[in-house]
């Protein structure tokens, strides 16, 4: 009796029986998978190589590490170096070794030690300087003497004594920018009233004409003009209330002028420190004397302006307008005053003139104009402007006289011995 089989199994057997090609194909696939399947799968999951060795070499996990081949480069031979003596003041070093390639190099230059140079102990001492203690040479002293020699009459002693006679012309400095004419009155380019004319009038009238100041012909002089060197003023009076800046030509002219013996006298028309003119004048004069070893220094109490004077009773700085009493400052060359600066506004005080009796000068000209007084200043003398009494004005005029006399005589002692420098 035939055995009973499940319908599914029977169908599978019948399928293989009826299709030999399918059966053969199936068996071959099973064999191929058995042979190659494991190899492919193993290679797909291999670990990557590691970093190994002291040098951090990148090698495979199973690979053998081999040493690199030895370097066998040839060692070049040391060239022969010869030093060739020469009469040239330098030594030349050249190479004469053969070279496998064409190679040239500029010769090395070595500065030799001069065998004839004597040791420091045997070197001769430098020649003595021809300059004086203040750096003033004989030639410079002679130039100053020629420029300043006509101001004082007779054999000057440099003391400014009343027995002497002087003759000079002073000028108001006309500079670029600012209001250089702030303390004078000008009509048709003629200065006929104000600070400088009144001071010069005081000097001449009180000295009984021994000090001839040419006060009736006070003029302005442009600082960039070569007229500075032909008229030879003993000082240039500069004033103003505003900021200003000198041109290069003005600076150059003033530098030459003061080295010939002239002087710049600045007087601020705004009393006190740190006004616009105060700042500008100090700054611009440092352009005229830019030496790093020279700076503004206050006039000491023992300066000749106080000790060897025309008016010995003035022994200190007098109070200026509104009682300002700042020190008088100077910049020097060769030990003498070259630039002097009064920040106390004496110029506006000198717009009020004094007569020979020491009273306010109320003279008028043919046009009925006050010739020695700025009536605007005088009319405000009890409101905004102070210290304009005859007594206080007299002291400032005498101080101004002492200052001018010093500027006239300050070079005499040094230039007298110019030939021996």
Protein backbone atom coordinates (compact mmCIF):
# COMPACT_ATOMS: atom_id res chain seq x y z
CA UNK A 1 0.00 0.00 0.00
CA UNK A 2 1.64 3.30 -1.05
CA UNK A 3 2.80 5.64 1.80
CA UNK A 4 0.79 8.75 2.45
CA UNK A 5 2.70 12.13 1.81
CA UNK A 6 1.70 15.67 2.55
CA UNK A 7 0.42 17.63 -0.43
CA UNK A 8 3.16 20.34 -0.07
CA UNK A 9 6.05 17.88 -0.04
CA UNK A 10 4.61 16.08 -2.96
CA UNK A 11 4.38 19.27 -4.94
CA UNK A 12 8.04 20.12 -4.20
CA UNK A 13 9.21 16.68 -5.31
CA UNK A 14 7.18 16.95 -8.44
CA UNK A 15 8.71 20.42 -9.10
CA UNK A 16 12.29 19.13 -8.91
CA UNK A 17 11.42 16.12 -10.94
CA UNK A 18 9.89 18.08 -13.75
CA UNK A 19 12.60 20.77 -13.87
CA UNK A 20 16.13 19.43 -13.97
CA UNK A 21 17.56 22.81 -14.98
CA UNK A 22 16.15 24.48 -11.88
CA UNK A 23 17.51 21.70 -9.70
CA UNK A 24 20.99 21.92 -11.17
CA UNK A 25 20.99 25.70 -10.84
CA UNK A 26 19.91 25.53 -7.21
CA UNK A 27 22.60 23.02 -6.29
CA UNK A 28 25.32 25.06 -8.00
CA UNK A 29 24.31 28.19 -6.09
CA UNK A 30 24.48 26.30 -2.80
CA UNK A 31 28.00 25.10 -3.65
CA UNK A 32 29.23 28.54 -4.70
CA UNK A 33 27.90 30.18 -1.56
CA UNK A 34 29.58 27.52 0.53
CA UNK A 35 32.95 28.13 -1.17
CA UNK A 36 33.18 31.91 -1.63
CA UNK A 37 30.59 33.37 0.71
CA UNK A 38 32.73 33.28 3.84
CA UNK A 39 35.74 34.84 2.07
CA UNK A 40 33.83 37.87 0.87
CA UNK A 41 32.20 38.42 4.22
CA UNK A 42 35.54 38.20 6.08
CA UNK A 43 37.24 40.79 3.91
CA UNK A 44 34.35 43.20 4.31
CA UNK A 45 34.70 43.42 8.09
CA UNK A 46 38.51 43.57 8.43
CA UNK A 47 39.80 46.22 10.90
CA UNK A 48 41.73 49.18 9.39
CA UNK A 49 45.49 49.39 9.98
CA UNK A 50 46.86 50.99 13.17
CA UNK A 51 49.48 53.72 13.88
CA UNK A 52 52.42 51.84 15.26
CA UNK A 53 56.06 52.29 16.07
CA UNK A 54 57.99 55.15 17.80
CA UNK A 55 58.10 57.20 14.65
CA UNK A 56 54.33 57.04 14.22
CA UNK A 57 54.67 55.01 11.02
CA UNK A 58 51.42 54.17 9.24
CA UNK A 59 51.58 50.36 8.71
CA UNK A 60 49.14 47.47 8.38
CA UNK A 61 48.31 45.38 11.38
CA UNK A 62 49.99 42.27 9.98
CA UNK A 63 52.61 43.92 7.82
CA UNK A 64 56.27 43.61 8.69
CA UNK A 65 58.13 46.81 9.51
CA UNK A 66 61.35 47.15 7.54
CA UNK A 67 64.16 49.63 8.14
CA UNK A 68 64.67 52.31 5.47
CA UNK A 69 67.62 51.90 3.17
CA UNK A 70 70.83 53.67 4.37
CA UNK A 71 71.64 57.11 2.90
CA UNK A 72 74.77 56.97 0.81
CA UNK A 73 75.18 60.62 -0.37
CA UNK A 74 78.81 61.74 -0.99
CA UNK A 75 80.35 64.16 1.51
CA UNK A 76 81.77 67.25 -0.28
CA UNK A 77 85.40 68.01 0.20
CA UNK A 78 86.43 71.05 2.24
CA UNK A 79 87.71 73.81 -0.09
CA UNK A 80 91.11 75.26 0.38
CA UNK A 81 91.00 78.92 1.45
CA UNK A 82 93.87 81.25 0.83
CA UNK A 83 94.29 84.84 1.94
CA UNK A 84 95.94 87.01 -0.68
CA UNK A 85 97.78 90.05 0.73
CA UNK A 86 97.21 93.29 -1.14
CA UNK A 87 98.24 96.90 -0.95
CA UNK A 88 94.61 97.95 -1.16
CA UNK A 89 93.30 99.40 2.19
CA UNK A 90 91.06 96.33 2.52
CA UNK A 91 91.76 92.57 2.73
CA UNK A 92 90.16 90.29 0.13
CA UNK A 93 89.38 86.62 0.89
CA UNK A 94 88.95 84.31 -2.14
CA UNK A 95 88.31 80.54 -2.54
CA UNK A 96 90.33 78.37 -4.94
CA UNK A 97 88.78 74.91 -4.38
CA UNK A 98 87.41 73.11 -7.45
CA UNK A 99 83.64 72.89 -7.70
CA UNK A 100 81.48 70.47 -9.68
CA UNK A 101 79.38 73.42 -10.87
CA UNK A 102 80.21 76.94 -11.98
CA UNK A 103 79.74 79.03 -8.86
CA UNK A 104 80.98 82.56 -8.17
CA UNK A 105 80.61 84.81 -5.13
CA UNK A 106 81.57 88.45 -4.60
CA UNK A 107 84.67 88.76 -2.43
CA UNK A 108 84.14 89.54 1.24
CA UNK A 109 85.42 92.99 2.28
CA UNK A 110 86.86 93.34 5.76
CA UNK A 111 87.93 96.76 7.06
CA UNK A 112 91.34 96.37 8.63
CA UNK A 113 92.51 97.98 11.82
CA UNK A 114 94.86 100.81 10.98
CA UNK A 115 98.10 99.79 12.63
CA UNK A 116 99.30 103.39 12.58
CA UNK A 117 96.49 104.71 14.83
CA UNK A 118 98.06 105.60 18.17
CA UNK A 119 96.47 104.39 21.39
CA UNK A 120 94.00 106.70 23.11
CA UNK A 121 96.56 107.71 25.73
CA UNK A 122 98.96 108.90 23.01
CA UNK A 123 96.41 110.84 20.93
CA UNK A 124 96.82 114.61 20.93
CA UNK A 125 94.29 116.72 22.88
CA UNK A 126 91.59 118.52 20.84
CA UNK A 127 92.19 122.12 19.95
CA UNK A 128 90.70 124.57 22.44
CA UNK A 129 87.38 126.13 21.45
CA UNK A 130 87.40 129.70 20.22
CA UNK A 131 84.02 130.34 21.88
CA UNK A 132 83.57 132.10 25.19
CA UNK A 133 81.92 130.68 28.29
CA UNK A 134 78.49 131.31 26.77
CA UNK A 135 79.38 129.80 23.40
CA UNK A 136 79.89 133.20 21.75
CA UNK A 137 82.72 133.12 19.22
CA UNK A 138 84.83 136.10 18.22
CA UNK A 139 83.15 136.28 14.81
CA UNK A 140 79.69 136.25 16.36
CA UNK A 141 80.64 138.90 18.91
CA UNK A 142 82.03 141.10 16.14
CA UNK A 143 78.77 140.78 14.16
CA UNK A 144 76.74 141.73 17.24
CA UNK A 145 79.01 144.69 17.92
CA UNK A 146 78.50 145.96 14.38
CA UNK A 147 74.71 145.62 14.67
CA UNK A 148 74.31 147.15 18.16
CA UNK A 149 77.17 149.62 18.29
CA UNK A 150 75.18 152.70 17.30
CA UNK A 151 72.61 152.65 20.11
CA UNK A 152 74.69 153.88 23.05
CA UNK A 153 76.92 156.93 22.90
CA UNK A 154 80.25 157.14 24.68
CA UNK A 155 82.11 154.30 26.40
CA UNK A 156 79.27 152.21 27.71
CA UNK A 157 79.59 150.25 30.89
CA UNK A 158 76.44 148.19 30.44
CA UNK A 159 74.86 149.63 33.59
CA UNK A 160 72.30 151.93 31.97
CA UNK A 161 73.37 154.91 34.10
CA UNK A 162 71.74 158.29 33.61
CA UNK A 163 75.04 159.89 32.66
CA UNK A 164 74.95 158.15 29.30
CA UNK A 165 73.29 159.11 26.05
CA UNK A 166 71.38 156.80 23.73
CA UNK A 167 69.76 157.11 20.35
CA UNK A 168 67.61 154.50 18.67
CA UNK A 169 64.33 153.82 16.91
CA UNK A 170 61.94 151.12 18.10
CA UNK A 171 59.29 149.41 15.99
CA UNK A 172 55.98 147.70 16.49
CA UNK A 173 56.11 144.17 15.09
CA UNK A 174 53.56 143.56 12.30
CA UNK A 175 53.09 139.81 12.12
CA UNK A 176 50.88 137.53 10.05
CA UNK A 177 47.42 137.08 11.59
CA UNK A 178 46.23 138.36 14.94
CA UNK A 179 45.80 142.03 15.92
CA UNK A 180 49.37 143.31 16.23
CA UNK A 181 48.08 146.93 16.56
CA UNK A 182 45.81 146.36 19.58
CA UNK A 183 47.47 148.99 21.83
CA UNK A 184 48.02 151.83 19.34
CA UNK A 185 45.86 154.10 17.24
CA UNK A 186 46.57 154.27 13.51
CA UNK A 187 45.24 156.73 10.92
CA UNK A 188 46.30 156.47 7.26
CA UNK A 189 48.96 153.93 8.26
CA UNK A 190 50.47 156.38 10.74
CA UNK A 191 50.81 155.40 14.41
CA UNK A 192 50.04 158.59 16.31
CA UNK A 193 48.94 157.41 19.73
CA UNK A 194 49.23 154.45 22.07
CA UNK A 195 51.52 152.29 24.11
CA UNK A 196 54.90 152.44 22.37
CA UNK A 197 54.77 156.18 21.52
CA UNK A 198 53.87 157.04 25.12
CA UNK A 199 56.64 154.89 26.60
CA UNK A 200 59.25 156.39 24.27
CA UNK A 201 58.00 159.90 25.00
CA UNK A 202 58.29 159.22 28.75
CA UNK A 203 61.90 158.04 28.30
CA UNK A 204 62.98 161.04 26.26
CA UNK A 205 61.20 163.71 28.28
CA UNK A 206 62.30 162.39 31.68
CA UNK A 207 65.92 162.01 30.52
CA UNK A 208 66.02 165.64 29.27
CA UNK A 209 66.66 164.30 25.76
CA UNK A 210 69.70 162.24 26.72
CA UNK A 211 67.77 159.21 25.54
CA UNK A 212 66.64 160.07 22.03
CA UNK A 213 63.84 157.67 21.13
CA UNK A 214 62.34 159.14 17.95
CA UNK A 215 58.96 158.73 19.61
CA UNK A 216 57.13 160.90 17.06
CA UNK A 217 57.90 158.46 14.24
CA UNK A 218 56.98 155.08 15.68
CA UNK A 219 56.29 152.71 12.80
CA UNK A 220 55.22 149.15 12.25
CA UNK A 221 57.73 146.80 10.65
CA UNK A 222 56.80 143.58 8.88
CA UNK A 223 58.60 140.66 10.41
CA UNK A 224 59.15 139.01 7.03
CA UNK A 225 60.90 142.12 5.66
CA UNK A 226 64.66 142.50 5.29
CA UNK A 227 64.19 146.03 6.66
CA UNK A 228 64.89 144.47 10.05
CA UNK A 229 68.56 144.31 9.12
CA UNK A 230 68.90 147.79 7.67
CA UNK A 231 67.16 149.90 10.35
CA UNK A 232 68.68 147.82 13.19
CA UNK A 233 66.04 148.32 15.91
CA UNK A 234 67.20 147.37 19.44
CA UNK A 235 63.89 145.57 19.97
CA UNK A 236 60.62 144.72 18.24
CA UNK A 237 57.52 145.30 20.37
CA UNK A 238 54.85 142.63 19.81
CA UNK A 239 51.39 142.67 21.33
CA UNK A 240 47.84 141.48 20.65
CA UNK A 241 44.83 139.65 22.03
CA UNK A 242 44.35 136.84 19.50
CA UNK A 243 45.92 133.59 18.43
CA UNK A 244 48.42 133.87 15.59
CA UNK A 245 51.01 131.81 13.76
CA UNK A 246 54.20 133.22 12.27
CA UNK A 247 55.08 132.37 8.70
CA UNK A 248 58.30 130.46 8.01
CA UNK A 249 59.88 133.64 6.63
CA UNK A 250 58.97 135.58 9.79
CA UNK A 251 60.54 132.89 11.96
CA UNK A 252 63.67 132.85 9.79
CA UNK A 253 64.01 136.65 9.95
CA UNK A 254 63.57 136.77 13.73
CA UNK A 255 66.16 134.03 14.20
CA UNK A 256 68.70 136.00 12.21
CA UNK A 257 67.71 139.29 13.90
CA UNK A 258 68.20 138.08 17.48
CA UNK A 259 71.52 136.43 16.63
CA UNK A 260 72.73 139.79 15.38
CA UNK A 261 71.87 141.33 18.76
CA UNK A 262 68.24 142.39 18.42
CA UNK A 263 65.46 141.43 20.82
CA UNK A 264 61.75 140.64 20.72
CA UNK A 265 59.62 142.14 23.50
CA UNK A 266 56.19 140.59 23.80
CA UNK A 267 53.45 142.18 25.92
CA UNK A 268 50.05 140.50 26.12
CA UNK A 269 47.10 142.84 25.67
CA UNK A 270 45.05 140.50 27.86
CA UNK A 271 46.53 140.38 31.38
CA UNK A 272 47.31 136.99 32.92
CA UNK A 273 48.19 133.52 31.72
CA UNK A 274 46.50 131.26 29.15
CA UNK A 275 44.90 133.93 26.98
CA UNK A 276 45.00 133.23 23.25
CA UNK A 277 47.88 135.66 22.73
CA UNK A 278 49.77 134.30 25.74
CA UNK A 279 49.62 130.76 24.38
CA UNK A 280 50.45 131.82 20.82
CA UNK A 281 53.39 134.06 21.74
CA UNK A 282 55.05 131.43 23.91
CA UNK A 283 54.55 128.79 21.22
CA UNK A 284 55.77 130.90 18.30
CA UNK A 285 58.85 132.20 20.10
CA UNK A 286 59.86 128.61 20.76
CA UNK A 287 59.91 128.24 16.99
CA UNK A 288 62.32 131.18 16.86
CA UNK A 289 64.55 129.63 19.56
CA UNK A 290 63.80 125.89 19.27
CA UNK A 291 66.90 124.73 21.17
CA UNK A 292 65.94 121.89 23.52
CA UNK A 293 68.31 123.23 26.19
CA UNK A 294 66.56 126.62 26.27
CA UNK A 295 63.15 127.30 27.75
CA UNK A 296 61.17 130.15 29.22
CA UNK A 297 62.67 131.21 32.54
CA UNK A 298 61.39 133.87 34.93
CA UNK A 299 63.50 136.95 35.39
CA UNK A 300 65.34 136.53 38.73
CA UNK A 301 65.33 139.24 41.39
CA UNK A 302 69.06 139.86 40.89
CA UNK A 303 68.80 140.46 37.14
CA UNK A 304 70.43 143.68 35.85
CA UNK A 305 66.97 145.02 34.91
CA UNK A 306 66.47 145.41 38.68
CA UNK A 307 70.04 145.91 39.91
CA UNK A 308 71.79 147.98 37.21
CA UNK A 309 69.04 150.29 36.15
CA UNK A 310 68.02 153.74 35.06
CA UNK A 311 65.46 153.85 37.88
CA UNK A 312 66.94 151.88 40.81
CA UNK A 313 63.77 152.33 42.86
CA UNK A 314 62.02 149.73 40.68
CA UNK A 315 63.32 146.50 42.20
CA UNK A 316 60.59 144.03 41.27
CA UNK A 317 57.83 143.29 38.78
CA UNK A 318 55.23 146.07 38.98
CA UNK A 319 51.51 145.22 38.97
CA UNK A 320 49.95 145.43 35.51
CA UNK A 321 46.42 146.02 34.32
CA UNK A 322 43.83 144.83 36.84
CA UNK A 323 46.73 144.23 39.25
CA UNK A 324 48.08 141.17 37.41
CA UNK A 325 51.62 140.46 38.55
CA UNK A 326 52.91 137.48 36.62
CA UNK A 327 56.70 137.04 36.37
CA UNK A 328 58.62 138.45 33.43
CA UNK A 329 59.87 135.59 31.24
CA UNK A 330 62.90 135.36 28.96
CA UNK A 331 64.52 133.16 26.34
CA UNK A 332 68.29 133.66 26.07
CA UNK A 333 71.09 133.13 23.58
CA UNK A 334 74.76 133.34 24.50
CA UNK A 335 73.60 134.00 28.06
CA UNK A 336 71.78 137.24 27.19
CA UNK A 337 68.10 138.12 26.79
CA UNK A 338 66.92 137.50 23.23
CA UNK A 339 63.15 137.37 23.85
CA UNK A 340 61.42 138.93 26.83
CA UNK A 341 57.73 138.58 27.66
CA UNK A 342 55.46 140.49 30.03
CA UNK A 343 52.01 138.89 30.47
CA UNK A 344 50.71 141.75 32.65
CA UNK A 345 49.40 144.01 29.86
CA UNK A 346 51.56 147.07 30.43
CA UNK A 347 50.77 148.15 26.87
CA UNK A 348 47.16 149.00 27.66
CA UNK A 349 48.29 150.89 30.75
CA UNK A 350 50.63 152.90 28.50
CA UNK A 351 47.66 153.99 26.41
CA UNK A 352 47.26 156.44 29.28
CA UNK A 353 50.14 158.90 28.97
CA UNK A 354 51.88 160.82 31.77
CA UNK A 355 53.23 164.34 31.43
CA UNK A 356 56.53 165.58 32.86
CA UNK A 357 54.84 166.34 36.18
CA UNK A 358 53.64 162.73 36.52
CA UNK A 359 49.98 163.55 35.88
CA UNK A 360 47.60 162.12 33.28
CA UNK A 361 48.51 163.68 29.93
CA UNK A 362 45.40 165.34 28.50
CA UNK A 363 47.06 167.21 25.64
CA UNK A 364 45.14 167.53 22.39
CA UNK A 365 46.25 168.20 18.84
CA UNK A 366 44.89 170.66 16.27
CA UNK A 367 42.06 168.23 15.52
CA UNK A 368 41.12 168.25 19.20
CA UNK A 369 42.23 164.62 19.56
CA UNK A 370 43.84 163.35 22.74
CA UNK A 371 47.42 162.65 21.72
CA UNK A 372 48.53 160.64 24.76
CA UNK A 373 45.41 158.90 25.98
CA UNK A 374 42.90 156.33 24.79
CA UNK A 375 39.71 157.85 26.16
CA UNK A 376 37.85 154.52 25.93
CA UNK A 377 40.32 152.95 28.36
CA UNK A 378 40.32 156.00 30.60
CA UNK A 379 36.51 156.16 30.71
CA UNK A 380 36.44 152.54 31.89
CA UNK A 381 39.21 152.97 34.43
CA UNK A 382 36.73 152.88 37.32
CA UNK A 383 34.45 150.17 35.91
CA UNK A 384 36.24 147.29 34.14
CA UNK A 385 39.87 148.38 34.10
CA UNK A 386 41.83 148.81 37.31
CA UNK A 387 45.26 150.01 38.44
CA UNK A 388 45.30 153.07 36.17
CA UNK A 389 46.22 155.69 38.77
CA UNK A 390 49.09 158.12 38.09
CA UNK A 391 51.21 156.42 40.76
CA UNK A 392 50.81 152.89 39.38
CA UNK A 393 51.35 154.13 35.81
CA UNK A 394 54.57 155.88 36.85
CA UNK A 395 56.04 152.63 38.21
CA UNK A 396 55.26 150.72 35.02
CA UNK A 397 56.75 153.46 32.83
CA UNK A 398 59.95 153.38 34.88
CA UNK A 399 60.05 149.59 34.67
CA UNK A 400 59.62 149.83 30.88
CA UNK A 401 62.50 152.32 30.77
CA UNK A 402 64.76 149.98 32.76
CA UNK A 403 63.89 147.13 30.41
CA UNK A 404 64.67 149.15 27.28
CA UNK A 405 67.97 150.46 28.69
CA UNK A 406 69.01 146.88 29.43
CA UNK A 407 68.20 145.82 25.88
CA UNK A 408 70.35 148.71 24.61
CA UNK A 409 73.38 147.81 26.73
CA UNK A 410 73.29 144.05 27.36
CA UNK A 411 75.89 143.17 24.70
CA UNK A 412 78.45 145.83 25.52
CA UNK A 413 80.57 143.89 28.01
CA UNK A 414 80.85 140.85 25.76
CA UNK A 415 81.46 142.65 22.48
CA UNK A 416 84.12 144.87 24.04
CA UNK A 417 86.39 141.82 24.28
CA UNK A 418 85.32 140.34 20.93
CA UNK A 419 88.81 140.57 19.45
CA UNK A 420 90.25 138.38 22.20
CA UNK A 421 87.76 135.53 21.75
